[in-house]
N, C-alpha and C. Protein backbone atom coordinates (compact mmCIF):
# COMPACT_ATOMS: atom_id res chain seq x y z
N MET A 1 147.10 193.56 80.92
CA MET A 1 148.50 192.90 81.01
C MET A 1 148.69 192.25 79.57
N LYS A 2 147.57 191.46 79.13
CA LYS A 2 147.74 190.80 77.90
C LYS A 2 148.05 191.82 76.68
N ASN A 3 147.29 192.89 76.73
CA ASN A 3 147.44 193.85 75.72
C ASN A 3 148.96 194.40 75.66
N LEU A 4 149.44 194.68 76.75
CA LEU A 4 150.89 195.17 76.92
C LEU A 4 151.76 194.19 76.40
N LYS A 5 151.72 192.79 76.55
CA LYS A 5 152.53 191.85 76.00
C LYS A 5 152.46 191.75 74.67
N LYS A 6 151.17 191.91 74.15
CA LYS A 6 150.98 191.79 72.61
C LYS A 6 151.58 193.07 71.86
N LYS A 7 151.47 194.14 72.52
CA LYS A 7 152.11 195.47 71.97
C LYS A 7 153.67 195.33 71.88
N ARG A 8 154.17 194.74 72.98
CA ARG A 8 155.66 194.58 73.03
C ARG A 8 156.14 193.52 72.01
N ARG A 9 155.31 192.49 71.87
CA ARG A 9 155.69 191.48 70.84
C ARG A 9 155.79 192.10 69.41
N ILE A 10 154.73 192.84 69.15
CA ILE A 10 154.54 193.50 67.83
C ILE A 10 155.81 194.49 67.59
N GLN A 11 156.23 195.25 68.62
CA GLN A 11 157.22 196.25 68.58
C GLN A 11 158.60 195.48 68.23
N VAL A 12 158.77 194.31 69.02
CA VAL A 12 160.03 193.58 68.73
C VAL A 12 160.11 192.95 67.39
N ILE A 13 159.03 192.65 66.83
CA ILE A 13 158.85 192.00 65.39
C ILE A 13 159.16 193.18 64.48
N VAL A 14 158.61 194.30 64.62
CA VAL A 14 158.85 195.40 63.66
C VAL A 14 160.19 195.90 63.80
N VAL A 15 160.81 196.03 64.88
CA VAL A 15 162.27 196.35 65.07
C VAL A 15 163.21 195.43 64.34
N ALA A 16 162.95 194.02 64.62
CA ALA A 16 163.71 193.06 63.90
C ALA A 16 163.54 193.12 62.44
N ALA A 17 162.44 193.28 61.99
CA ALA A 17 162.21 193.43 60.50
C ALA A 17 162.99 194.63 59.95
N LEU A 18 162.87 195.65 60.60
CA LEU A 18 163.65 197.06 60.24
C LEU A 18 165.19 196.69 60.29
N ALA A 19 165.63 196.19 61.24
CA ALA A 19 167.10 195.85 61.47
C ALA A 19 167.54 194.86 60.31
N LEU A 20 166.73 193.86 59.95
CA LEU A 20 167.05 192.92 58.92
C LEU A 20 167.05 193.69 57.49
N ALA A 21 165.99 194.60 57.24
CA ALA A 21 166.13 195.36 56.11
C ALA A 21 167.34 196.38 55.96
N LEU A 22 167.58 196.87 57.01
CA LEU A 22 168.78 197.91 57.13
C LEU A 22 169.95 197.12 56.80
N SER A 23 170.13 196.01 57.50
CA SER A 23 171.55 195.26 57.36
C SER A 23 171.51 194.65 55.78
N THR A 24 170.49 194.29 55.32
CA THR A 24 170.50 193.80 53.90
C THR A 24 170.99 194.93 52.92
N ALA A 25 170.28 196.15 53.24
CA ALA A 25 170.73 197.31 52.37
C ALA A 25 172.23 197.74 52.50
N VAL A 26 172.72 197.66 53.71
CA VAL A 26 174.15 198.01 53.94
C VAL A 26 175.01 197.03 53.33
N ILE A 27 174.78 195.73 53.39
CA ILE A 27 175.58 194.64 52.76
C ILE A 27 175.53 194.88 51.29
N GLY A 28 174.25 195.06 50.72
CA GLY A 28 174.23 195.30 49.23
C GLY A 28 175.01 196.47 48.82
N TYR A 29 174.99 197.56 49.60
CA TYR A 29 175.68 198.80 49.28
C TYR A 29 177.24 198.57 49.30
N ALA A 30 177.67 197.80 50.21
CA ALA A 30 179.16 197.51 50.40
C ALA A 30 179.68 196.62 49.34
N MET A 31 178.85 195.80 48.81
CA MET A 31 179.20 194.77 47.76
C MET A 31 179.05 195.43 46.35
N ARG A 32 178.59 196.55 46.06
CA ARG A 32 178.32 196.98 44.79
C ARG A 32 179.54 197.02 44.00
N ASP A 33 180.58 197.43 44.48
CA ASP A 33 181.88 197.46 43.69
C ASP A 33 182.63 196.14 43.72
N GLY A 34 182.30 195.19 44.68
CA GLY A 34 182.96 193.90 44.86
C GLY A 34 182.57 192.80 43.96
N ILE A 35 181.58 193.00 43.19
CA ILE A 35 180.93 191.92 42.39
C ILE A 35 181.58 192.10 40.94
N ASN A 36 182.43 191.12 40.62
CA ASN A 36 182.96 191.14 39.27
C ASN A 36 182.48 189.87 38.41
N PHE A 37 181.93 190.11 37.37
CA PHE A 37 181.45 189.01 36.54
C PHE A 37 182.43 188.48 35.64
N PHE A 38 182.59 187.14 35.43
CA PHE A 38 183.37 186.41 34.57
C PHE A 38 182.93 186.69 33.04
N ARG A 39 183.88 186.92 32.25
CA ARG A 39 183.58 186.93 30.72
C ARG A 39 184.62 186.14 30.08
N ALA A 40 184.25 185.44 29.03
CA ALA A 40 185.14 184.76 28.04
C ALA A 40 185.60 185.77 27.07
N PRO A 41 186.71 185.57 26.32
CA PRO A 41 187.14 186.47 25.26
C PRO A 41 186.03 186.67 24.18
N SER A 42 185.31 185.57 23.90
CA SER A 42 184.35 185.77 22.83
C SER A 42 183.13 186.69 23.33
N GLN A 43 182.82 186.64 24.70
CA GLN A 43 181.81 187.54 25.15
C GLN A 43 182.39 189.00 25.21
N VAL A 44 183.62 189.28 25.40
CA VAL A 44 184.07 190.58 25.54
C VAL A 44 184.17 191.11 24.12
N VAL A 45 184.54 190.34 23.09
CA VAL A 45 184.45 190.86 21.72
C VAL A 45 182.97 191.07 21.32
N GLU A 46 182.09 190.23 21.53
CA GLU A 46 180.68 190.33 21.25
C GLU A 46 180.01 191.60 21.84
N THR A 47 180.19 191.65 23.26
CA THR A 47 179.77 192.87 23.96
C THR A 47 180.87 193.48 24.71
N PRO A 48 181.46 194.56 24.09
CA PRO A 48 182.48 195.22 24.83
C PRO A 48 181.99 195.91 26.16
N PRO A 49 182.87 195.75 27.16
CA PRO A 49 182.54 196.28 28.38
C PRO A 49 182.61 197.98 28.35
N ALA A 50 181.82 198.61 29.37
CA ALA A 50 181.72 200.00 29.44
C ALA A 50 183.26 200.51 29.75
N PRO A 51 183.59 201.77 29.31
CA PRO A 51 184.81 202.25 29.74
C PRO A 51 185.13 202.31 31.25
N GLY A 52 186.27 201.77 31.63
CA GLY A 52 186.53 201.73 33.25
C GLY A 52 185.78 200.64 33.94
N GLU A 53 184.95 199.84 33.23
CA GLU A 53 184.35 198.83 34.02
C GLU A 53 185.17 197.59 34.43
N VAL A 54 185.31 197.30 35.69
CA VAL A 54 186.13 196.21 36.24
C VAL A 54 185.38 194.94 35.96
N PHE A 55 186.12 193.98 35.50
CA PHE A 55 185.43 192.69 35.22
C PHE A 55 186.53 191.64 35.27
N ARG A 56 186.13 190.31 35.19
CA ARG A 56 187.00 189.25 35.19
C ARG A 56 186.94 188.59 33.80
N LEU A 57 188.12 188.32 33.21
CA LEU A 57 188.41 187.74 31.97
C LEU A 57 189.11 186.38 32.23
N GLY A 58 188.54 185.37 31.66
CA GLY A 58 189.13 184.15 31.88
C GLY A 58 189.22 183.23 30.50
N GLY A 59 190.14 182.34 30.49
CA GLY A 59 190.39 181.56 29.29
C GLY A 59 191.57 180.81 29.37
N LEU A 60 192.27 180.32 28.27
CA LEU A 60 193.43 179.68 28.09
C LEU A 60 194.60 180.74 27.76
N VAL A 61 195.70 180.62 28.20
CA VAL A 61 196.80 181.42 27.78
C VAL A 61 197.44 180.83 26.44
N GLU A 62 197.29 181.79 25.47
CA GLU A 62 197.69 181.28 24.15
C GLU A 62 199.14 180.80 24.05
N GLU A 63 199.39 179.63 23.42
CA GLU A 63 200.70 179.14 23.29
C GLU A 63 201.59 180.10 22.49
N GLY A 64 202.79 180.38 23.04
CA GLY A 64 203.69 181.28 22.39
C GLY A 64 203.42 182.79 22.54
N SER A 65 202.51 183.06 23.38
CA SER A 65 202.19 184.57 23.53
C SER A 65 202.71 185.26 24.61
N ILE A 66 203.32 184.65 25.57
CA ILE A 66 203.89 185.27 26.68
C ILE A 66 205.15 186.12 26.37
N VAL A 67 205.17 187.43 26.62
CA VAL A 67 206.19 188.33 26.28
C VAL A 67 206.60 189.07 27.61
N ARG A 68 207.68 188.88 28.06
CA ARG A 68 208.14 189.56 29.33
C ARG A 68 208.71 190.91 28.95
N GLY A 69 208.19 191.99 29.49
CA GLY A 69 208.76 193.23 29.22
C GLY A 69 209.79 193.76 30.28
N GLN A 70 209.92 194.96 30.31
CA GLN A 70 210.96 195.56 31.36
C GLN A 70 210.23 195.54 32.60
N GLY A 71 211.14 195.16 33.69
CA GLY A 71 210.57 195.21 35.07
C GLY A 71 209.64 193.98 35.24
N GLU A 72 208.55 194.16 35.78
CA GLU A 72 207.50 193.14 36.09
C GLU A 72 206.45 193.10 35.12
N THR A 73 206.43 193.79 34.08
CA THR A 73 205.42 193.80 33.06
C THR A 73 205.39 192.62 32.11
N VAL A 74 204.32 191.93 32.06
CA VAL A 74 204.19 190.77 31.20
C VAL A 74 202.85 191.05 30.13
N SER A 75 203.07 190.60 28.94
CA SER A 75 201.98 190.74 28.11
C SER A 75 201.66 189.23 27.54
N PHE A 76 200.52 188.91 27.31
CA PHE A 76 200.16 187.68 26.72
C PHE A 76 198.83 187.73 26.18
N ARG A 77 198.27 186.64 25.46
CA ARG A 77 197.00 186.60 24.91
C ARG A 77 196.09 185.47 25.51
N VAL A 78 194.94 185.77 25.73
CA VAL A 78 193.94 184.65 26.36
C VAL A 78 192.92 184.43 25.14
N THR A 79 192.62 183.19 25.20
CA THR A 79 191.61 182.68 24.16
C THR A 79 190.71 181.65 24.74
N ASP A 80 189.48 181.58 24.11
CA ASP A 80 188.59 180.58 24.56
C ASP A 80 188.25 179.69 23.28
N GLY A 81 189.03 179.81 22.22
CA GLY A 81 188.97 179.11 20.98
C GLY A 81 188.08 179.98 19.95
N GLY A 82 187.40 181.07 20.40
CA GLY A 82 186.61 181.70 19.44
C GLY A 82 187.10 183.08 19.31
N ALA A 83 187.69 183.72 20.29
CA ALA A 83 188.30 184.99 20.18
C ALA A 83 189.65 185.10 21.06
N VAL A 84 190.38 186.01 20.82
CA VAL A 84 191.63 186.31 21.46
C VAL A 84 191.62 187.73 21.99
N ILE A 85 192.08 187.86 23.22
CA ILE A 85 192.20 189.20 23.89
C ILE A 85 193.64 189.37 24.45
N PRO A 86 194.29 190.36 23.88
CA PRO A 86 195.67 190.72 24.50
C PRO A 86 195.52 191.19 26.03
N VAL A 87 196.50 190.91 26.81
CA VAL A 87 196.42 191.22 28.26
C VAL A 87 197.81 191.68 28.57
N THR A 88 197.88 192.72 29.44
CA THR A 88 199.05 193.14 30.05
C THR A 88 198.92 193.09 31.62
N PHE A 89 199.96 192.79 32.39
CA PHE A 89 199.80 192.69 33.73
C PHE A 89 201.24 193.09 34.25
N THR A 90 201.32 193.89 35.31
CA THR A 90 202.51 194.39 35.99
C THR A 90 202.32 193.72 37.36
N GLY A 91 203.35 193.02 37.73
CA GLY A 91 203.25 192.28 38.96
C GLY A 91 204.05 190.97 38.81
N VAL A 92 203.88 190.35 39.85
CA VAL A 92 204.46 188.82 39.92
C VAL A 92 203.39 187.86 39.59
N LEU A 93 203.53 187.08 38.62
CA LEU A 93 202.59 186.07 38.13
C LEU A 93 202.54 184.93 39.15
N PRO A 94 201.40 184.16 39.22
CA PRO A 94 201.38 182.96 40.17
C PRO A 94 202.29 181.99 39.54
N ASP A 95 202.91 181.02 40.51
CA ASP A 95 203.95 180.11 39.98
C ASP A 95 203.36 179.17 39.07
N LEU A 96 202.08 178.76 39.13
CA LEU A 96 201.49 177.84 38.11
C LEU A 96 200.89 178.64 36.89
N PHE A 97 201.06 179.77 36.61
CA PHE A 97 200.81 180.49 35.34
C PHE A 97 201.68 179.98 34.32
N ALA A 98 201.10 179.52 33.18
CA ALA A 98 201.94 178.96 31.90
C ALA A 98 201.12 179.04 30.74
N GLU A 99 201.70 178.91 29.52
CA GLU A 99 201.10 178.81 28.33
C GLU A 99 200.11 177.59 28.20
N GLY A 100 199.02 177.64 27.63
CA GLY A 100 198.05 176.55 27.32
C GLY A 100 197.40 176.26 28.60
N GLN A 101 197.55 177.05 29.61
CA GLN A 101 196.81 176.74 30.98
C GLN A 101 195.74 177.84 31.20
N GLY A 102 194.71 177.38 32.02
CA GLY A 102 193.59 178.29 32.42
C GLY A 102 194.06 179.52 33.28
N MET A 103 193.38 180.47 33.14
CA MET A 103 193.71 181.63 33.92
C MET A 103 192.47 182.67 34.07
N ILE A 104 192.35 183.40 35.18
CA ILE A 104 191.28 184.34 35.36
C ILE A 104 192.01 185.70 35.78
N GLY A 105 191.76 186.81 35.15
CA GLY A 105 192.36 188.08 35.47
C GLY A 105 191.26 189.03 35.67
N THR A 106 191.49 189.84 36.75
CA THR A 106 190.56 191.00 37.11
C THR A 106 191.30 192.24 36.62
N GLY A 107 190.44 193.10 35.85
CA GLY A 107 191.02 194.35 35.33
C GLY A 107 189.94 195.08 34.56
N VAL A 108 190.57 195.96 33.63
CA VAL A 108 189.67 196.82 32.65
C VAL A 108 190.23 196.75 31.25
N MET A 109 189.37 196.99 30.34
CA MET A 109 189.83 197.22 29.02
C MET A 109 190.28 198.58 28.74
N GLU A 110 191.43 198.68 27.99
CA GLU A 110 192.10 200.03 27.74
C GLU A 110 192.61 199.87 26.32
N ASP A 111 192.01 200.51 25.32
CA ASP A 111 192.44 200.51 23.94
C ASP A 111 192.57 199.13 23.26
N GLY A 112 191.60 198.17 23.62
CA GLY A 112 191.56 196.92 23.11
C GLY A 112 192.51 195.91 23.74
N THR A 113 193.04 196.26 24.87
CA THR A 113 193.92 195.39 25.69
C THR A 113 193.32 195.33 27.03
N PHE A 114 193.28 194.16 27.60
CA PHE A 114 192.74 193.97 28.91
C PHE A 114 193.88 194.25 29.90
N VAL A 115 193.94 195.29 30.76
CA VAL A 115 195.00 195.48 31.73
C VAL A 115 194.61 194.96 33.10
N ALA A 116 195.27 193.91 33.43
CA ALA A 116 194.96 193.15 34.55
C ALA A 116 195.53 193.56 35.81
N ARG A 117 194.87 193.71 36.90
CA ARG A 117 195.46 194.13 38.17
C ARG A 117 195.69 192.86 39.09
N GLU A 118 195.02 191.78 38.65
CA GLU A 118 195.17 190.60 39.45
C GLU A 118 195.04 189.26 38.51
N ILE A 119 195.97 188.33 38.61
CA ILE A 119 195.90 187.27 37.84
C ILE A 119 195.88 185.93 38.63
N LEU A 120 194.83 184.99 38.31
CA LEU A 120 194.78 183.74 39.12
C LEU A 120 195.06 182.70 38.13
N ALA A 121 195.82 181.71 38.48
CA ALA A 121 196.20 180.49 37.69
C ALA A 121 195.53 179.23 38.16
N LYS A 122 195.73 178.28 37.43
CA LYS A 122 195.22 176.96 37.69
C LYS A 122 195.61 176.45 39.09
N HIS A 123 194.80 175.50 39.66
CA HIS A 123 195.31 175.05 40.98
C HIS A 123 196.30 173.90 40.93
N ASP A 124 196.02 172.96 40.04
CA ASP A 124 196.94 171.90 39.85
C ASP A 124 196.90 171.41 38.36
N GLU A 125 197.42 170.19 38.02
CA GLU A 125 197.45 169.86 36.61
C GLU A 125 196.07 169.49 36.02
N THR A 126 194.99 169.30 36.90
CA THR A 126 193.71 169.04 36.30
C THR A 126 192.56 170.11 36.53
N TYR A 127 192.87 171.02 37.39
CA TYR A 127 191.92 172.00 37.85
C TYR A 127 191.87 173.06 36.90
N MET A 128 190.60 173.53 36.53
CA MET A 128 190.33 174.68 35.84
C MET A 128 189.08 175.30 36.21
N PRO A 129 188.94 176.62 36.42
CA PRO A 129 187.77 177.22 36.93
C PRO A 129 186.51 176.87 36.17
N LYS A 130 185.36 176.60 36.86
CA LYS A 130 184.22 176.21 36.09
C LYS A 130 183.80 177.06 35.03
N GLU A 131 183.83 178.38 35.36
CA GLU A 131 183.56 179.40 34.32
C GLU A 131 184.29 179.24 33.14
N VAL A 132 185.61 178.95 33.06
CA VAL A 132 186.50 178.73 31.90
C VAL A 132 186.04 177.44 31.33
N ILE A 133 185.78 176.41 31.90
CA ILE A 133 185.32 175.21 31.31
C ILE A 133 184.03 175.36 30.62
N ASP A 134 183.10 176.02 31.19
CA ASP A 134 181.87 176.31 30.59
C ASP A 134 182.06 177.19 29.26
N ALA A 135 182.86 178.15 29.34
CA ALA A 135 183.07 178.96 28.23
C ALA A 135 183.76 178.17 27.09
N LEU A 136 184.71 177.38 27.51
CA LEU A 136 185.47 176.51 26.45
C LEU A 136 184.48 175.49 25.86
N LYS A 137 183.57 174.90 26.67
CA LYS A 137 182.51 174.04 26.17
C LYS A 137 181.57 174.74 25.22
N GLU A 138 181.17 175.96 25.35
CA GLU A 138 180.34 176.76 24.57
C GLU A 138 181.03 176.93 23.23
N GLN A 139 182.38 177.15 23.17
CA GLN A 139 183.11 177.28 21.97
C GLN A 139 183.37 175.92 21.21
N GLY A 140 183.17 174.80 21.98
CA GLY A 140 183.47 173.54 21.39
C GLY A 140 184.96 173.05 21.41
N VAL A 141 185.77 173.67 22.28
CA VAL A 141 187.16 173.39 22.30
C VAL A 141 187.68 172.79 23.53
N TYR A 142 186.61 172.48 24.47
CA TYR A 142 187.11 171.77 25.74
C TYR A 142 187.21 170.26 25.64
N GLU A 143 188.41 169.84 26.09
CA GLU A 143 188.53 168.35 26.19
C GLU A 143 188.76 167.94 27.59
N ASP A 144 187.91 167.03 28.07
CA ASP A 144 187.91 166.68 29.48
C ASP A 144 189.16 165.77 29.67
N PRO A 145 190.11 166.19 30.50
CA PRO A 145 191.46 165.39 30.71
C PRO A 145 190.92 163.99 31.45
N ASN A 146 189.93 163.94 32.11
CA ASN A 146 189.50 162.70 32.90
C ASN A 146 188.95 161.77 31.78
N ALA A 147 188.25 162.28 30.73
CA ALA A 147 187.79 161.28 29.61
C ALA A 147 189.01 160.64 28.88
N GLN A 148 190.05 161.50 28.69
CA GLN A 148 191.20 160.99 28.02
C GLN A 148 191.91 159.85 28.79
N ALA A 149 191.93 160.02 30.09
CA ALA A 149 192.53 159.05 31.04
C ALA A 149 191.79 157.84 31.10
N ALA A 150 190.56 157.82 30.94
CA ALA A 150 189.53 156.69 31.07
C ALA A 150 189.65 155.81 29.83
N THR A 151 190.05 156.52 28.68
CA THR A 151 190.15 155.74 27.34
C THR A 151 191.49 155.06 27.23
N ASN A 152 192.47 155.47 27.97
CA ASN A 152 193.86 154.89 27.97
C ASN A 152 194.00 153.58 28.74
C-alpha cells in the first residue's frame, strides 16, 4: 500500500512539472510578437532596427515640428537631445499630445521615417514615461520639474 501511494505521489509531481513546463512554453510562444522594446532616437540612429521590426520609439516631440497632412495623417519629429527621428502617424492623436511633451509610439522604420501605428502621450503635466526620462538623462537634457518647484 505504501509503495502505491509513493508511486502515485511521484506521478502527480511529474505531471505537474510537465504541465508547468508546457504552460510556460505556450505563454512564451504567445508573447513572442507582443514584446516591444523602447528605444530613444539616439539608439535608433546608432543601431538601426531590422527592416519590418516593430519597436517602441520615445522622446520629446520637437517644438514646431507638428505638420498636419490631409485627413488624419500627422507628421512630427521626436528627439532625445542627441538625435531627431521623423515620425508619421495616421489616426487620432491622444488629447494630451503636444509639442515639447513626452510620447512613445509603436511602429516600424520605413525609409528613415518612423511609421507609428500607435501613439501614447503623457499622463498629466508632470508625468513622463520612465524610459523617456532615462534616455533624456543619458543625453544630459532632462530637467526634473520637481527640482525646479523646490527651488522657487
